[in-house]
Structure formats: C-alpha cells, structure tokens
Amino acid sequence: MLIDPLDFLPCRKFRDGVKALMGPDQLVNYVSALKNALWPGGERRPPSEPRTEADKAATRDSASRKLSALMPGQFTVMFGHAH
C-alpha cells in the first residue's frame, strides 16, 4: 500500500491543487523556467550593473514601510522602532 505524502493536508481540493502544482510536467516547466532565467538562449546572462548606495537605501526604506504597513506590531517588535 502506497502512502500519499500529502495526506496530512486536511482539504481535498487543496491537496489536489498541490499535487497538480508538483506533478512531473509542472516540475519540468519549473526547471526550464529556471534554466532560461539563468542562461537565456543557452548563454550565461551578462552581469548587471552594481546598485548604488542610493538605490540600496531607497529599497531598504520601501521594504521597511511596506512591512510596517502589513504587520505594524510584529515589525516593531522584530526590528525595533524607526528613529
């Protein structure tokens, strides 16, 4: 008797959805997408330009604002108050 590794999931629709996402055909698609992202056209992608300190600061600030809007209490506890 084979044991289904997804039997612990309570909802049959959810379990069937996970099985569809993790089927052999889907896994081949995921690996192909990864390969094409890393080596477009079979060649290694050229390196991107380094980000400036201003770009990094803007990204950090944007991420901080978005996180604090999503989870204001938890964000403050985990990362401290913004000064």
PDB file of N, CA and C in Angstrom:
ATOM      1  N   MET A   1       0.838  -1.179   0.000  1.00  0.00           N
ATOM      2  CA  MET A   1       0.000   0.000   0.000  1.00  0.00           C
ATOM      3  C   MET A   1       0.888   1.250   0.000  1.00  0.00           C
ATOM      4  N   LEU A   2       0.647   2.148  -0.936  1.00  0.00           N
ATOM      5  CA  LEU A   2       1.397   3.389  -1.017  1.00  0.00           C
ATOM      6  C   LEU A   2       0.774   4.445  -0.122  1.00  0.00           C
ATOM      7  N   ILE A   3       1.615   5.196   0.527  1.00  0.00           N
ATOM      8  CA  ILE A   3       1.141   6.280   1.391  1.00  0.00           C
ATOM      9  C   ILE A   3       1.345   7.582   0.644  1.00  0.00           C
ATOM     10  N   ASP A   4       0.295   8.372   0.566  1.00  0.00           N
ATOM     11  CA  ASP A   4       0.364   9.667  -0.104  1.00  0.00           C
ATOM     12  C   ASP A   4       1.056  10.668   0.822  1.00  0.00           C
ATOM     13  N   PRO A   5       2.150  11.306   0.378  1.00  0.00           N
ATOM     14  CA  PRO A   5       2.854  12.236   1.265  1.00  0.00           C
ATOM     15  C   PRO A   5       2.049  13.488   1.594  1.00  0.00           C
ATOM     16  N   LEU A   6       0.964  13.732   0.875  1.00  0.00           N
ATOM     17  CA  LEU A   6       0.143  14.918   1.141  1.00  0.00           C
ATOM     18  C   LEU A   6      -1.114  14.598   1.940  1.00  0.00           C
ATOM     19  N   ASP A   7      -1.202  13.401   2.510  1.00  0.00           N
ATOM     20  CA  ASP A   7      -2.387  13.014   3.272  1.00  0.00           C
ATOM     21  C   ASP A   7      -2.601  13.866   4.516  1.00  0.00           C
ATOM     22  N   PHE A   8      -1.541  14.516   5.004  1.00  0.00           N
ATOM     23  CA  PHE A   8      -1.694  15.331   6.203  1.00  0.00           C
ATOM     24  C   PHE A   8      -2.495  16.606   5.927  1.00  0.00           C
ATOM     25  N   LEU A   9      -2.649  16.996   4.652  1.00  0.00           N
ATOM     26  CA  LEU A   9      -3.412  18.192   4.322  1.00  0.00           C
ATOM     27  C   LEU A   9      -4.903  17.908   4.494  1.00  0.00           C
ATOM     28  N   PRO A  10      -5.609  18.777   5.205  1.00  0.00           N
ATOM     29  CA  PRO A  10      -6.996  18.481   5.561  1.00  0.00           C
ATOM     30  C   PRO A  10      -7.996  18.614   4.404  1.00  0.00           C
ATOM     31  N   CYS A  11      -7.800  19.503   3.498  1.00  0.00           N
ATOM     32  CA  CYS A  11      -8.791  19.779   2.471  1.00  0.00           C
ATOM     33  C   CYS A  11      -8.421  19.073   1.170  1.00  0.00           C
ATOM     34  N   ARG A  12      -9.344  18.298   0.629  1.00  0.00           N
ATOM     35  CA  ARG A  12      -9.067  17.527  -0.577  1.00  0.00           C
ATOM     36  C   ARG A  12      -8.782  18.432  -1.774  1.00  0.00           C
ATOM     37  N   LYS A  13      -9.521  19.531  -1.910  1.00  0.00           N
ATOM     38  CA  LYS A  13      -9.282  20.443  -3.034  1.00  0.00           C
ATOM     39  C   LYS A  13      -7.881  21.035  -2.963  1.00  0.00           C
ATOM     40  N   PHE A  14      -7.472  21.415  -1.784  1.00  0.00           N
ATOM     41  CA  PHE A  14      -6.137  21.970  -1.608  1.00  0.00           C
ATOM     42  C   PHE A  14      -5.080  20.908  -1.917  1.00  0.00           C
ATOM     43  N   ARG A  15      -5.297  19.705  -1.408  1.00  0.00           N
ATOM     44  CA  ARG A  15      -4.363  18.605  -1.648  1.00  0.00           C
ATOM     45  C   ARG A  15      -4.244  18.317  -3.139  1.00  0.00           C
ATOM     46  N   ASP A  16      -5.368  18.312  -3.851  1.00  0.00           N
ATOM     47  CA  ASP A  16      -5.341  18.067  -5.295  1.00  0.00           C
ATOM     48  C   ASP A  16      -4.636  19.213  -6.034  1.00  0.00           C
ATOM     49  N   GLY A  17      -4.814  20.441  -5.549  1.00  0.00           N
ATOM     50  CA  GLY A  17      -4.135  21.580  -6.154  1.00  0.00           C
ATOM     51  C   GLY A  17      -2.631  21.494  -5.982  1.00  0.00           C
ATOM     52  N   VAL A  18      -2.188  21.085  -4.789  1.00  0.00           N
ATOM     53  CA  VAL A  18      -0.756  20.930  -4.538  1.00  0.00           C
ATOM     54  C   VAL A  18      -0.191  19.820  -5.419  1.00  0.00           C
ATOM     55  N   LYS A  19      -0.926  18.733  -5.555  1.00  0.00           N
ATOM     56  CA  LYS A  19      -0.470  17.640  -6.425  1.00  0.00           C
ATOM     57  C   LYS A  19      -0.329  18.103  -7.867  1.00  0.00           C
ATOM     58  N   ALA A  20      -1.272  18.932  -8.328  1.00  0.00           N
ATOM     59  CA  ALA A  20      -1.204  19.432  -9.705  1.00  0.00           C
ATOM     60  C   ALA A  20       0.006  20.349  -9.893  1.00  0.00           C
ATOM     61  N   LEU A  21       0.307  21.166  -8.874  1.00  0.00           N
ATOM     62  CA  LEU A  21       1.450  22.073  -8.965  1.00  0.00           C
ATOM     63  C   LEU A  21       2.782  21.338  -8.880  1.00  0.00           C
ATOM     64  N   MET A  22       2.791  20.166  -8.273  1.00  0.00           N
ATOM     65  CA  MET A  22       4.032  19.429  -8.082  1.00  0.00           C
ATOM     66  C   MET A  22       4.110  18.185  -8.971  1.00  0.00           C
ATOM     67  N   GLY A  23       3.268  18.111  -9.997  1.00  0.00           N
ATOM     68  CA  GLY A  23       3.299  16.974 -10.909  1.00  0.00           C
ATOM     69  C   GLY A  23       4.539  17.003 -11.788  1.00  0.00           C
ATOM     70  N   PRO A  24       4.850  15.893 -12.431  1.00  0.00           N
ATOM     71  CA  PRO A  24       6.052  15.807 -13.265  1.00  0.00           C
ATOM     72  C   PRO A  24       6.118  16.868 -14.359  1.00  0.00           C
ATOM     73  N   ASP A  25       5.006  17.131 -15.026  1.00  0.00           N
ATOM     74  CA  ASP A  25       5.017  18.140 -16.093  1.00  0.00           C
ATOM     75  C   ASP A  25       5.313  19.525 -15.541  1.00  0.00           C
ATOM     76  N   GLN A  26       4.734  19.854 -14.383  1.00  0.00           N
ATOM     77  CA  GLN A  26       4.971  21.163 -13.777  1.00  0.00           C
ATOM     78  C   GLN A  26       6.422  21.301 -13.326  1.00  0.00           C
ATOM     79  N   LEU A  27       6.988  20.226 -12.763  1.00  0.00           N
ATOM     80  CA  LEU A  27       8.378  20.296 -12.320  1.00  0.00           C
ATOM     81  C   LEU A  27       9.311  20.540 -13.509  1.00  0.00           C
ATOM     82  N   VAL A  28       9.009  19.922 -14.652  1.00  0.00           N
ATOM     83  CA  VAL A  28       9.803  20.164 -15.862  1.00  0.00           C
ATOM     84  C   VAL A  28       9.692  21.631 -16.266  1.00  0.00           C
ATOM     85  N   ASN A  29       8.490  22.204 -16.178  1.00  0.00           N
ATOM     86  CA  ASN A  29       8.304  23.624 -16.508  1.00  0.00           C
ATOM     87  C   ASN A  29       9.101  24.520 -15.563  1.00  0.00           C
ATOM     88  N   TYR A  30       9.107  24.187 -14.253  1.00  0.00           N
ATOM     89  CA  TYR A  30       9.839  24.992 -13.284  1.00  0.00           C
ATOM     90  C   TYR A  30      11.337  24.965 -13.579  1.00  0.00           C
ATOM     91  N   VAL A  31      11.874  23.781 -13.861  1.00  0.00           N
ATOM     92  CA  VAL A  31      13.302  23.665 -14.150  1.00  0.00           C
ATOM     93  C   VAL A  31      13.643  24.403 -15.446  1.00  0.00           C
ATOM     94  N   SER A  32      12.772  24.303 -16.443  1.00  0.00           N
ATOM     95  CA  SER A  32      13.002  25.014 -17.708  1.00  0.00           C
ATOM     96  C   SER A  32      12.997  26.532 -17.497  1.00  0.00           C
ATOM     97  N   ALA A  33      12.062  27.019 -16.701  1.00  0.00           N
ATOM     98  CA  ALA A  33      11.997  28.458 -16.429  1.00  0.00           C
ATOM     99  C   ALA A  33      13.250  28.923 -15.696  1.00  0.00           C
ATOM    100  N   LEU A  34      13.723  28.135 -14.742  1.00  0.00           N
ATOM    101  CA  LEU A  34      14.943  28.481 -14.024  1.00  0.00           C
ATOM    102  C   LEU A  34      16.142  28.493 -14.964  1.00  0.00           C
ATOM    103  N   LYS A  35      16.220  27.473 -15.818  1.00  0.00           N
ATOM    104  CA  LYS A  35      17.331  27.395 -16.775  1.00  0.00           C
ATOM    105  C   LYS A  35      17.319  28.599 -17.710  1.00  0.00           C
ATOM    106  N   ASN A  36      16.139  28.972 -18.199  1.00  0.00           N
ATOM    107  CA  ASN A  36      16.040  30.118 -19.113  1.00  0.00           C
ATOM    108  C   ASN A  36      16.334  31.442 -18.399  1.00  0.00           C
ATOM    109  N   ALA A  37      16.048  31.507 -17.106  1.00  0.00           N
ATOM    110  CA  ALA A  37      16.352  32.724 -16.355  1.00  0.00           C
ATOM    111  C   ALA A  37      17.856  32.872 -16.130  1.00  0.00           C
ATOM    112  N   LEU A  38      18.528  31.746 -15.883  1.00  0.00           N
ATOM    113  CA  LEU A  38      19.961  31.801 -15.620  1.00  0.00           C
ATOM    114  C   LEU A  38      20.796  31.834 -16.895  1.00  0.00           C
ATOM    115  N   TRP A  39      20.334  31.124 -17.925  1.00  0.00           N
ATOM    116  CA  TRP A  39      21.078  31.037 -19.182  1.00  0.00           C
ATOM    117  C   TRP A  39      20.147  31.300 -20.361  1.00  0.00           C
ATOM    118  N   PRO A  40      19.708  32.561 -20.560  1.00  0.00           N
ATOM    119  CA  PRO A  40      18.806  32.853 -21.677  1.00  0.00           C
ATOM    120  C   PRO A  40      19.483  32.548 -23.016  1.00  0.00           C
ATOM    121  N   GLY A  41      18.797  31.789 -23.858  1.00  0.00           N
ATOM    122  CA  GLY A  41      19.352  31.417 -25.161  1.00  0.00           C
ATOM    123  C   GLY A  41      20.528  30.462 -25.054  1.00  0.00           C
ATOM    124  N   GLY A  42      20.675  29.799 -23.903  1.00  0.00           N
ATOM    125  CA  GLY A  42      21.767  28.858 -23.715  1.00  0.00           C
ATOM    126  C   GLY A  42      23.078  29.508 -23.335  1.00  0.00           C
ATOM    127  N   GLU A  43      23.106  30.820 -23.176  1.00  0.00           N
ATOM    128  CA  GLU A  43      24.315  31.542 -22.820  1.00  0.00           C
ATOM    129  C   GLU A  43      24.130  32.194 -21.451  1.00  0.00           C
ATOM    130  N   ARG A  44      25.220  32.320 -20.737  1.00  0.00           N
ATOM    131  CA  ARG A  44      25.142  32.956 -19.430  1.00  0.00           C
ATOM    132  C   ARG A  44      24.742  34.415 -19.577  1.00  0.00           C
ATOM    133  N   ARG A  45      23.818  34.841 -18.721  1.00  0.00           N
ATOM    134  CA  ARG A  45      23.354  36.220 -18.744  1.00  0.00           C
ATOM    135  C   ARG A  45      24.499  37.155 -18.347  1.00  0.00           C
ATOM    136  N   PRO A  46      24.632  38.291 -19.039  1.00  0.00           N
ATOM    137  CA  PRO A  46      25.701  39.228 -18.661  1.00  0.00           C
ATOM    138  C   PRO A  46      25.428  39.809 -17.279  1.00  0.00           C
ATOM    139  N   PRO A  47      26.479  40.150 -16.546  1.00  0.00           N
ATOM    140  CA  PRO A  47      26.273  40.692 -15.199  1.00  0.00           C
ATOM    141  C   PRO A  47      25.565  42.037 -15.251  1.00  0.00           C
ATOM    142  N   SER A  48      24.722  42.259 -14.270  1.00  0.00           N
ATOM    143  CA  SER A  48      24.007  43.539 -14.210  1.00  0.00           C
ATOM    144  C   SER A  48      24.912  44.600 -13.585  1.00  0.00           C
ATOM    145  N   GLU A  49      24.513  45.852 -13.770  1.00  0.00           N
ATOM    146  CA  GLU A  49      25.287  46.948 -13.200  1.00  0.00           C
ATOM    147  C   GLU A  49      25.128  46.935 -11.684  1.00  0.00           C
ATOM    148  N   PRO A  50      26.192  47.236 -10.951  1.00  0.00           N
ATOM    149  CA  PRO A  50      26.083  47.278  -9.489  1.00  0.00           C
ATOM    150  C   PRO A  50      25.119  48.375  -9.047  1.00  0.00           C
ATOM    151  N   ARG A  51      24.381  48.092  -7.971  1.00  0.00           N
ATOM    152  CA  ARG A  51      23.439  49.072  -7.447  1.00  0.00           C
ATOM    153  C   ARG A  51      24.183  50.119  -6.632  1.00  0.00           C
ATOM    154  N   THR A  52      23.706  51.352  -6.728  1.00  0.00           N
ATOM    155  CA  THR A  52      24.324  52.444  -5.968  1.00  0.00           C
ATOM    156  C   THR A  52      23.823  52.401  -4.530  1.00  0.00           C
ATOM    157  N   GLU A  53      24.529  53.097  -3.660  1.00  0.00           N
ATOM    158  CA  GLU A  53      24.105  53.178  -2.258  1.00  0.00           C
ATOM    159  C   GLU A  53      22.733  53.838  -2.149  1.00  0.00           C
ATOM    160  N   ALA A  54      22.453  54.815  -3.021  1.00  0.00           N
ATOM    161  CA  ALA A  54      21.144  55.482  -3.004  1.00  0.00           C
ATOM    162  C   ALA A  54      20.038  54.499  -3.377  1.00  0.00           C
ATOM    163  N   ASP A  55      20.278  53.627  -4.377  1.00  0.00           N
ATOM    164  CA  ASP A  55      19.300  52.606  -4.752  1.00  0.00           C
ATOM    165  C   ASP A  55      19.048  51.644  -3.598  1.00  0.00           C
ATOM    166  N   LYS A  56      20.133  51.224  -2.946  1.00  0.00           N
ATOM    167  CA  LYS A  56      20.002  50.298  -1.815  1.00  0.00           C
ATOM    168  C   LYS A  56      19.221  50.933  -0.676  1.00  0.00           C
ATOM    169  N   ALA A  57      19.489  52.188  -0.385  1.00  0.00           N
ATOM    170  CA  ALA A  57      18.781  52.891   0.691  1.00  0.00           C
ATOM    171  C   ALA A  57      17.302  53.052   0.358  1.00  0.00           C
ATOM    172  N   ALA A  58      17.007  53.363  -0.905  1.00  0.00           N
ATOM    173  CA  ALA A  58      15.602  53.516  -1.316  1.00  0.00           C
ATOM    174  C   ALA A  58      14.870  52.188  -1.207  1.00  0.00           C
ATOM    175  N   THR A  59      15.509  51.090  -1.600  1.00  0.00           N
ATOM    176  CA  THR A  59      14.890  49.767  -1.494  1.00  0.00           C
ATOM    177  C   THR A  59      14.661  49.403  -0.036  1.00  0.00           C
ATOM    178  N   ARG A  60      15.657  49.663   0.812  1.00  0.00           N
ATOM    179  CA  ARG A  60      15.542  49.363   2.236  1.00  0.00           C
ATOM    180  C   ARG A  60      14.395  50.149   2.854  1.00  0.00           C
ATOM    181  N   ASP A  61      14.283  51.433   2.518  1.00  0.00           N
ATOM    182  CA  ASP A  61      13.223  52.288   3.058  1.00  0.00           C
ATOM    183  C   ASP A  61      11.847  51.813   2.593  1.00  0.00           C
ATOM    184  N   SER A  62      11.747  51.465   1.313  1.00  0.00           N
ATOM    185  CA  SER A  62      10.477  50.998   0.763  1.00  0.00           C
ATOM    186  C   SER A  62      10.045  49.687   1.423  1.00  0.00           C
ATOM    187  N   ALA A  63      10.988  48.767   1.587  1.00  0.00           N
ATOM    188  CA  ALA A  63      10.667  47.485   2.226  1.00  0.00           C
ATOM    189  C   ALA A  63      10.240  47.697   3.670  1.00  0.00           C
ATOM    190  N   SER A  64      10.907  48.595   4.356  1.00  0.00           N
ATOM    191  CA  SER A  64      10.567  48.882   5.753  1.00  0.00           C
ATOM    192  C   SER A  64       9.147  49.428   5.867  1.00  0.00           C
ATOM    193  N   ARG A  65       8.793  50.369   4.984  1.00  0.00           N
ATOM    194  CA  ARG A  65       7.439  50.943   5.022  1.00  0.00           C
ATOM    195  C   ARG A  65       6.379  49.891   4.712  1.00  0.00           C
ATOM    196  N   LYS A  66       6.654  49.044   3.718  1.00  0.00           N
ATOM    197  CA  LYS A  66       5.677  48.016   3.340  1.00  0.00           C
ATOM    198  C   LYS A  66       5.486  46.998   4.459  1.00  0.00           C
ATOM    199  N   LEU A  67       6.584  46.566   5.088  1.00  0.00           N
ATOM    200  CA  LEU A  67       6.475  45.618   6.184  1.00  0.00           C
ATOM    201  C   LEU A  67       5.725  46.209   7.363  1.00  0.00           C
ATOM    202  N   SER A  68       6.018  47.454   7.698  1.00  0.00           N
ATOM    203  CA  SER A  68       5.340  48.063   8.837  1.00  0.00           C
ATOM    204  C   SER A  68       3.857  48.283   8.561  1.00  0.00           C
ATOM    205  N   ALA A  69       3.486  48.472   7.298  1.00  0.00           N
ATOM    206  CA  ALA A  69       2.069  48.622   6.962  1.00  0.00           C
ATOM    207  C   ALA A  69       1.348  47.279   7.056  1.00  0.00           C
ATOM    208  N   LEU A  70       2.039  46.188   6.709  1.00  0.00           N
ATOM    209  CA  LEU A  70       1.418  44.865   6.740  1.00  0.00           C
ATOM    210  C   LEU A  70       1.300  44.317   8.157  1.00  0.00           C
ATOM    211  N   MET A  71       2.344  44.505   8.950  1.00  0.00           N
ATOM    212  CA  MET A  71       2.355  43.967  10.309  1.00  0.00           C
ATOM    213  C   MET A  71       2.955  44.989  11.253  1.00  0.00           C
ATOM    214  N   PRO A  72       2.214  46.012  11.606  1.00  0.00           N
ATOM    215  CA  PRO A  72       2.804  47.108  12.392  1.00  0.00           C
ATOM    216  C   PRO A  72       3.361  46.669  13.742  1.00  0.00           C
ATOM    217  N   GLY A  73       2.632  45.871  14.483  1.00  0.00           N
ATOM    218  CA  GLY A  73       3.098  45.460  15.812  1.00  0.00           C
ATOM    219  C   GLY A  73       4.271  44.506  15.738  1.00  0.00           C
ATOM    220  N   GLN A  74       4.170  43.489  14.913  1.00  0.00           N
ATOM    221  CA  GLN A  74       5.217  42.480  14.803  1.00  0.00           C
ATOM    222  C   GLN A  74       6.505  43.082  14.244  1.00  0.00           C
ATOM    223  N   PHE A  75       6.375  43.992  13.276  1.00  0.00           N
ATOM    224  CA  PHE A  75       7.544  44.609  12.668  1.00  0.00           C
ATOM    225  C   PHE A  75       8.335  45.395  13.707  1.00  0.00           C
ATOM    226  N   THR A  76       7.629  46.134  14.541  1.00  0.00           N
ATOM    227  CA  THR A  76       8.284  46.930  15.571  1.00  0.00           C
ATOM    228  C   THR A  76       9.006  46.035  16.569  1.00  0.00           C
ATOM    229  N   VAL A  77       8.373  44.929  16.946  1.00  0.00           N
ATOM    230  CA  VAL A  77       8.976  44.016  17.917  1.00  0.00           C
ATOM    231  C   VAL A  77      10.226  43.361  17.314  1.00  0.00           C
ATOM    232  N   MET A  78      10.145  42.933  16.045  1.00  0.00           N
ATOM    233  CA  MET A  78      11.269  42.231  15.427  1.00  0.00           C
ATOM    234  C   MET A  78      12.421  43.160  15.077  1.00  0.00           C
ATOM    235  N   PHE A  79      12.137  44.340  14.555  1.00  0.00           N
ATOM    236  CA  PHE A  79      13.183  45.174  14.002  1.00  0.00           C
ATOM    237  C   PHE A  79      13.393  46.487  14.741  1.00  0.00           C
ATOM    238  N   GLY A  80      12.628  46.750  15.754  1.00  0.00           N
ATOM    239  CA  GLY A  80      12.812  47.979  16.533  1.00  0.00           C
ATOM    240  C   GLY A  80      12.099  49.158  15.903  1.00  0.00           C
ATOM    241  N   HIS A  81      12.036  50.215  16.669  1.00  0.00           N
ATOM    242  CA  HIS A  81      11.371  51.434  16.190  1.00  0.00           C
ATOM    243  C   HIS A  81      12.254  52.169  15.214  1.00  0.00           C
ATOM    244  N   ALA A  82      11.619  52.813  14.226  1.00  0.00           N
ATOM    245  CA  ALA A  82      12.367  53.658  13.303  1.00  0.00           C
ATOM    246  C   ALA A  82      12.678  54.975  14.007  1.00  0.00           C
ATOM    247  N   HIS A  83      13.885  55.427  13.875  1.00  0.00           N
ATOM    248  CA  HIS A  83      14.279  56.679  14.532  1.00  0.00           C
ATOM    249  C   HIS A  83      14.300  57.798  13.536  1.00  0.00           C
TER     250      HIS A  83
END
